[in-house]
Amino acid sequence: MTNMRALIGGSGAPQLVSAPLPAAGPGQVRIKVAAAGVNPFDLAVASGALASYGLARKLDSYGIGFDAAGTVDQVGPGTSFSVGEEVVGLCARLELPYKAQAEYVVLDAPAVARAPRDVSPVHAATLPLNGLTAWQALDRTGVGPGGTLLVTGAAGAVGGYLVELAAVRGVRVVAAAGAADEELVRGFGAEWFVAREEDLAEAVRAQVPGGVDAVVDAAVLGLPALDAVRDGGAFVALASGVAPVALRGTDVATVLFRSDARQLAELVRLVEAGRLTLRVAGTYPLEKAADAHARLAEGGLRGRLVLVP
């Protein structure tokens, strides 16, 4: 086999192409992809918006896909993985010609961890990008046990992990989501709930006098979420160019994602312990990727769509 199928984007809908089969170099592993998550970031890659956001150079095309679950197929020198191991990994670089939404992907070993036991690759593929984003965003807030955190978009893929991880760390969570999702997010560990239809800051401050210590704004609400934070608290945005002005001494930051094998392994451990919920909204074959991207763009999903090569 000298070629594989892979998805590329840059000018609109994803395109399925024949691409050279990649080889694992020093410190790398090649994964035969069993499942690849579909994330909002993939829509930006496919549309070609990366360059306009200042996140990548203007190229003719970009590989698509960040989350991979599958089996190690080839190892380069200097890696501790073995052929046949089931793994998950994050393909974090943006300018690669081919990425995780493909039949094979090559990743640096520090971006890969053992897959959760007794979990299907389809479910495992929902973990790396969203789980690492939530972990790293929580770290950036600086909130520890007993502190208070507002999570907007708490019923979404990233938001659900945020609520669960915060609860694991002993952080008291205010979850903001649609009214119909109250039972869901309380099940994730939220202590308080605010419906999307309410005045966010007033509703939060009514339950947490003075405001929460921090917010992770997964729903991209901006100033209304910032207004729910106490003076000198923290605000973490999860998208480029949407963070509000740092009013009232708030520590405002943007967290995207980075690969981290240690953190990913800890997320896997929490999945195996039943502390993190892997949610799949649906599956599509690679050749139906455009349909998956279109469905994601419609919104309203609970969990991630997953492509199966």
Protein backbone atom coordinates (compact mmCIF):
# COMPACT_ATOMS: atom_id res chain seq x y z
CA MET A 1 0.00 0.00 0.00
CA THR A 2 1.49 3.31 -1.04
CA ASN A 3 -1.52 5.60 -0.81
CA MET A 4 -4.36 6.32 1.59
CA ARG A 5 -7.57 8.30 1.61
CA ALA A 6 -7.48 11.60 3.47
CA LEU A 7 -9.59 14.73 3.86
CA ILE A 8 -8.31 18.17 2.95
CA GLY A 9 -9.92 21.60 3.14
CA GLY A 10 -9.25 25.24 2.58
CA SER A 11 -11.88 26.37 0.11
CA GLY A 12 -15.19 25.19 1.53
CA ALA A 13 -16.44 21.65 2.13
CA PRO A 14 -13.89 18.91 2.92
CA GLN A 15 -12.59 16.93 -0.03
CA LEU A 16 -11.58 13.27 0.03
CA VAL A 17 -8.32 12.72 -1.86
CA SER A 18 -5.74 10.03 -2.44
CA ALA A 19 -2.58 10.90 -0.52
CA PRO A 20 0.84 9.30 -0.02
CA LEU A 21 0.96 6.89 2.89
CA PRO A 22 3.03 8.67 5.59
CA ALA A 23 5.95 7.03 7.39
CA ALA A 24 6.81 7.38 11.07
CA GLY A 25 10.08 9.23 11.64
CA PRO A 26 12.23 9.43 14.79
CA GLY A 27 10.08 9.91 17.87
CA GLN A 28 6.86 9.31 15.92
CA VAL A 29 4.18 6.66 15.53
CA ARG A 30 1.90 5.91 12.61
CA ILE A 31 -1.68 5.15 13.58
CA LYS A 32 -4.16 3.21 11.47
CA VAL A 33 -7.15 5.41 12.20
CA ALA A 34 -10.30 3.64 13.37
CA ALA A 35 -12.18 6.83 14.23
CA ALA A 36 -11.61 10.58 13.99
CA GLY A 37 -13.58 13.25 15.83
CA VAL A 38 -15.22 16.19 14.05
CA ASN A 39 -14.79 19.51 15.87
CA PRO A 40 -15.77 23.14 15.23
CA PHE A 41 -12.11 23.89 14.51
CA ASP A 42 -12.37 21.50 11.55
CA LEU A 43 -15.01 23.77 10.01
CA ALA A 44 -12.58 26.69 10.15
CA VAL A 45 -9.87 24.55 8.56
CA ALA A 46 -12.17 23.34 5.78
CA SER A 47 -13.45 26.84 5.02
CA GLY A 48 -9.95 28.29 4.73
CA ALA A 49 -10.58 30.74 7.57
CA LEU A 50 -7.35 29.88 9.42
CA ALA A 51 -5.34 32.50 7.57
CA SER A 52 -7.90 35.25 8.19
CA TYR A 53 -7.78 34.44 11.90
CA GLY A 54 -3.99 34.69 11.87
CA LEU A 55 -3.66 31.03 12.84
CA ALA A 56 -1.91 29.74 9.70
CA ARG A 57 -0.37 30.91 6.46
CA LYS A 58 -2.53 31.09 3.39
CA LEU A 59 -2.09 27.71 1.72
CA ASP A 60 -3.85 25.99 -1.15
CA SER A 61 -5.12 23.27 1.20
CA TYR A 62 -4.84 21.99 4.75
CA GLY A 63 -5.20 18.56 6.28
CA ILE A 64 -8.33 18.17 8.43
CA GLY A 65 -8.79 16.44 11.77
CA PHE A 66 -7.36 16.70 15.28
CA ASP A 67 -8.68 13.63 17.15
CA ALA A 68 -7.53 10.13 16.26
CA ALA A 69 -8.24 6.76 17.80
CA GLY A 70 -6.80 3.59 16.35
CA THR A 71 -3.94 1.13 16.35
CA VAL A 72 -0.21 1.78 16.16
CA ASP A 73 0.83 0.56 12.74
CA GLN A 74 4.46 1.70 12.57
CA VAL A 75 6.93 3.16 15.08
CA GLY A 76 9.95 5.34 14.49
CA PRO A 77 13.22 5.15 16.43
CA GLY A 78 13.13 6.45 19.98
CA THR A 79 9.50 5.70 20.84
CA SER A 80 8.10 3.49 23.60
CA PHE A 81 4.98 2.41 21.71
CA SER A 82 4.65 -0.96 20.01
CA VAL A 83 2.92 -2.00 16.81
CA GLY A 84 -0.58 -3.20 17.65
CA GLU A 85 -1.21 -0.94 20.64
CA GLU A 86 -4.58 0.80 20.73
CA VAL A 87 -4.07 4.53 21.22
CA VAL A 88 -5.61 7.98 21.07
CA GLY A 89 -3.80 11.10 19.95
CA LEU A 90 -4.05 14.77 19.11
CA CYS A 91 -2.85 16.14 15.77
CA ALA A 92 -2.39 19.73 16.97
CA ARG A 93 -0.40 21.33 14.15
CA LEU A 94 -2.47 23.35 11.69
CA GLU A 95 -0.41 23.44 8.50
CA LEU A 96 0.07 19.73 7.89
CA PRO A 97 -1.02 18.51 4.43
CA TYR A 98 -2.90 15.54 5.95
CA LYS A 99 -4.15 15.06 9.50
CA ALA A 100 -6.39 12.77 11.57
CA GLN A 101 -9.37 12.57 9.22
CA ALA A 102 -7.62 9.99 7.09
CA GLU A 103 -6.94 6.28 6.98
CA TYR A 104 -3.53 6.78 8.62
CA VAL A 105 -1.91 9.60 10.57
CA VAL A 106 1.62 10.12 11.87
CA LEU A 107 1.91 11.79 15.27
CA ASP A 108 4.77 12.70 17.57
CA ALA A 109 4.84 10.22 20.44
CA PRO A 110 4.27 12.97 23.08
CA ALA A 111 0.87 13.58 21.46
CA VAL A 112 -0.27 9.96 21.95
CA ALA A 113 -1.57 7.92 24.89
CA ARG A 114 -2.93 4.43 25.42
CA ALA A 115 -6.63 4.26 24.53
CA PRO A 116 -9.18 3.76 27.31
CA ARG A 117 -9.84 0.09 28.04
CA ASP A 118 -13.24 -1.32 27.13
CA VAL A 119 -14.14 1.78 25.11
CA SER A 120 -14.85 1.73 21.39
CA PRO A 121 -12.53 3.74 19.11
CA VAL A 122 -15.55 5.82 18.08
CA HIS A 123 -16.08 6.94 21.67
CA ALA A 124 -12.35 7.26 22.36
CA ALA A 125 -11.99 9.63 19.41
CA THR A 126 -14.13 12.22 21.22
CA LEU A 127 -11.56 12.63 24.00
CA PRO A 128 -8.24 14.21 22.91
CA LEU A 129 -9.05 17.70 21.62
CA ASN A 130 -12.03 18.46 23.82
CA GLY A 131 -10.62 16.78 26.91
CA LEU A 132 -7.26 18.52 26.64
CA THR A 133 -8.92 21.87 25.91
CA ALA A 134 -11.02 21.52 29.07
CA TRP A 135 -8.05 20.40 31.18
CA GLN A 136 -5.82 23.22 30.00
CA ALA A 137 -8.55 25.84 30.33
CA LEU A 138 -9.20 24.79 33.92
CA ASP A 139 -5.49 24.99 34.68
CA ARG A 140 -5.43 28.53 33.25
CA THR A 141 -8.26 29.72 35.50
CA GLY A 142 -6.17 28.94 38.57
CA VAL A 143 -9.29 27.90 40.49
CA GLY A 144 -8.69 25.21 43.08
CA PRO A 145 -10.80 23.07 45.42
CA GLY A 146 -13.66 25.05 46.90
CA GLY A 147 -13.41 27.78 44.28
CA THR A 148 -16.28 28.71 42.00
CA LEU A 149 -16.38 28.40 38.21
CA LEU A 150 -18.95 29.35 35.59
CA VAL A 151 -19.01 27.11 32.51
CA THR A 152 -21.01 28.48 29.58
CA GLY A 153 -22.13 25.99 26.95
CA ALA A 154 -22.03 23.37 29.71
CA ALA A 155 -24.02 20.79 27.74
CA GLY A 156 -21.67 20.88 24.76
CA ALA A 157 -18.77 18.55 24.10
CA VAL A 158 -16.10 20.75 25.70
CA GLY A 159 -18.50 22.14 28.30
CA GLY A 160 -19.43 18.70 29.57
CA TYR A 161 -15.78 17.81 30.11
CA LEU A 162 -15.24 21.17 31.83
CA VAL A 163 -18.01 20.49 34.34
CA GLU A 164 -16.85 16.95 35.03
CA LEU A 165 -13.17 17.83 35.36
CA ALA A 166 -13.94 20.78 37.62
CA ALA A 167 -16.04 18.52 39.84
CA VAL A 168 -13.18 16.00 39.98
CA ARG A 169 -10.91 18.82 41.19
CA GLY A 170 -13.36 19.90 43.89
CA VAL A 171 -14.36 23.10 42.11
CA ARG A 172 -17.96 24.31 42.61
CA VAL A 173 -19.56 24.79 39.19
CA VAL A 174 -22.28 27.05 37.85
CA ALA A 175 -23.42 25.51 34.57
CA ALA A 176 -25.07 27.68 31.91
CA ALA A 177 -26.96 25.83 29.19
CA GLY A 178 -30.40 25.43 27.64
CA ALA A 179 -33.21 24.85 30.12
CA ALA A 180 -33.73 21.32 28.81
CA ASP A 181 -30.13 20.42 29.69
CA GLU A 182 -30.34 21.11 33.44
CA GLU A 183 -30.58 17.45 34.46
CA LEU A 184 -27.70 16.55 32.12
CA VAL A 185 -25.24 19.12 33.43
CA ARG A 186 -26.18 18.56 37.06
CA GLY A 187 -25.39 14.92 36.39
CA PHE A 188 -21.93 16.02 35.26
CA GLY A 189 -21.43 17.59 38.69
CA ALA A 190 -22.72 21.16 38.44
CA GLU A 191 -23.88 22.57 41.79
CA TRP A 192 -25.82 25.49 40.29
CA PHE A 193 -27.61 25.98 36.99
CA VAL A 194 -28.49 29.02 34.87
CA ALA A 195 -30.77 28.66 31.86
CA ARG A 196 -29.65 30.23 28.60
CA GLU A 197 -32.74 32.42 28.59
CA GLU A 198 -31.89 34.16 31.90
CA ASP A 199 -29.78 37.26 32.42
CA LEU A 200 -26.48 35.45 32.92
CA ALA A 201 -24.61 37.77 35.26
CA GLU A 202 -27.63 38.50 37.46
CA ALA A 203 -28.58 34.83 37.70
CA VAL A 204 -25.02 33.78 38.55
CA ARG A 205 -24.55 36.50 41.15
CA ALA A 206 -27.87 35.59 42.76
CA GLN A 207 -26.46 32.12 43.45
CA VAL A 208 -22.82 33.09 44.05
CA PRO A 209 -22.81 36.51 45.74
CA GLY A 210 -20.06 38.76 44.44
CA GLY A 211 -19.57 36.63 41.33
CA VAL A 212 -17.67 33.46 40.52
CA ASP A 213 -13.90 33.18 40.76
CA ALA A 214 -13.60 32.37 37.06
CA VAL A 215 -15.44 31.51 33.87
CA VAL A 216 -14.54 29.28 30.95
CA ASP A 217 -16.63 30.68 28.13
CA ALA A 218 -17.24 27.65 25.92
CA ALA A 219 -20.37 29.25 24.44
CA VAL A 220 -18.51 32.42 23.34
CA LEU A 221 -20.81 34.79 25.23
CA GLY A 222 -18.11 37.34 25.99
CA LEU A 223 -19.09 40.34 28.12
CA PRO A 224 -22.19 38.80 29.77
CA ALA A 225 -19.99 35.96 31.03
CA LEU A 226 -17.27 38.37 32.14
CA ASP A 227 -19.88 40.32 34.14
CA ALA A 228 -20.58 37.18 36.17
CA VAL A 229 -16.97 37.05 37.41
CA ARG A 230 -15.84 38.76 40.62
CA ASP A 231 -13.40 41.67 40.45
CA GLY A 232 -9.89 40.30 39.92
CA GLY A 233 -11.19 36.91 38.79
CA ALA A 234 -10.30 35.01 35.64
CA PHE A 235 -11.89 34.70 32.19
CA VAL A 236 -10.81 32.02 29.73
CA ALA A 237 -11.94 32.12 26.10
CA LEU A 238 -11.70 29.04 23.87
CA ALA A 239 -11.63 30.71 20.46
CA SER A 240 -9.21 33.12 18.82
CA GLY A 241 -10.11 36.81 18.81
CA VAL A 242 -13.21 36.65 21.01
CA ALA A 243 -11.84 37.41 24.49
CA PRO A 244 -13.33 40.59 26.00
CA VAL A 245 -11.42 43.54 27.47
CA ALA A 246 -10.00 42.75 30.92
CA LEU A 247 -12.47 44.87 32.90
CA ARG A 248 -12.32 45.12 36.71
CA GLY A 249 -8.84 43.64 36.90
CA THR A 250 -9.96 40.34 35.41
CA ASP A 251 -7.21 38.03 34.15
CA VAL A 252 -8.39 37.42 30.58
CA ALA A 253 -6.76 34.68 28.51
CA THR A 254 -7.39 32.54 25.45
CA VAL A 255 -6.69 28.81 25.59
CA LEU A 256 -6.81 26.79 22.37
CA PHE A 257 -5.13 23.41 22.85
CA ARG A 258 -1.79 21.68 22.84
CA SER A 259 -0.76 18.05 22.81
CA ASP A 260 0.32 16.64 26.18
CA ALA A 261 0.69 12.90 26.61
CA ARG A 262 0.71 13.10 30.42
CA GLN A 263 -2.56 15.02 30.52
CA LEU A 264 -4.09 12.78 27.88
CA ALA A 265 -3.13 9.69 29.88
CA GLU A 266 -4.76 11.21 32.96
CA LEU A 267 -7.94 11.87 30.95
CA VAL A 268 -7.90 8.23 29.84
CA ARG A 269 -7.60 7.18 33.49
CA LEU A 270 -10.60 9.29 34.42
CA VAL A 271 -12.62 7.73 31.59
CA GLU A 272 -11.74 4.26 32.85
CA ALA A 273 -12.72 5.33 36.39
CA GLY A 274 -16.12 6.48 35.17
CA ARG A 275 -15.43 10.14 35.92
CA LEU A 276 -15.57 11.42 32.33
CA THR A 277 -18.46 10.84 29.93
CA LEU A 278 -17.66 10.14 26.27
CA ARG A 279 -20.59 11.24 24.11
CA VAL A 280 -21.05 10.37 20.44
CA ALA A 281 -23.71 12.30 18.52
CA GLY A 282 -23.38 10.20 15.36
CA THR A 283 -20.97 8.56 12.94
CA TYR A 284 -20.22 9.08 9.24
CA PRO A 285 -17.87 7.37 6.77
CA LEU A 286 -14.99 9.47 5.41
CA GLU A 287 -16.74 9.93 2.09
CA LYS A 288 -19.67 11.59 3.92
CA ALA A 289 -17.46 14.06 5.78
CA ALA A 290 -19.15 17.03 4.13
CA ASP A 291 -22.46 15.87 5.61
CA ALA A 292 -20.85 15.59 9.05
CA HIS A 293 -19.39 19.08 8.79
CA ALA A 294 -22.75 20.47 7.68
CA ARG A 295 -24.55 18.78 10.58
CA LEU A 296 -22.03 20.16 13.07
CA ALA A 297 -22.48 23.65 11.64
CA GLU A 298 -26.22 23.41 12.32
CA GLY A 299 -25.51 23.19 16.06
CA GLY A 300 -27.59 21.62 18.81
CA LEU A 301 -25.52 18.43 19.13
CA ARG A 302 -24.85 16.76 22.46
CA GLY A 303 -21.50 15.05 22.00
CA ARG A 304 -19.25 14.77 18.97
CA LEU A 305 -19.72 13.49 15.47
CA VAL A 306 -17.13 10.91 14.47
CA LEU A 307 -15.76 9.85 11.08
CA VAL A 308 -14.98 6.19 10.49
CA PRO A 309 -12.50 5.41 7.67
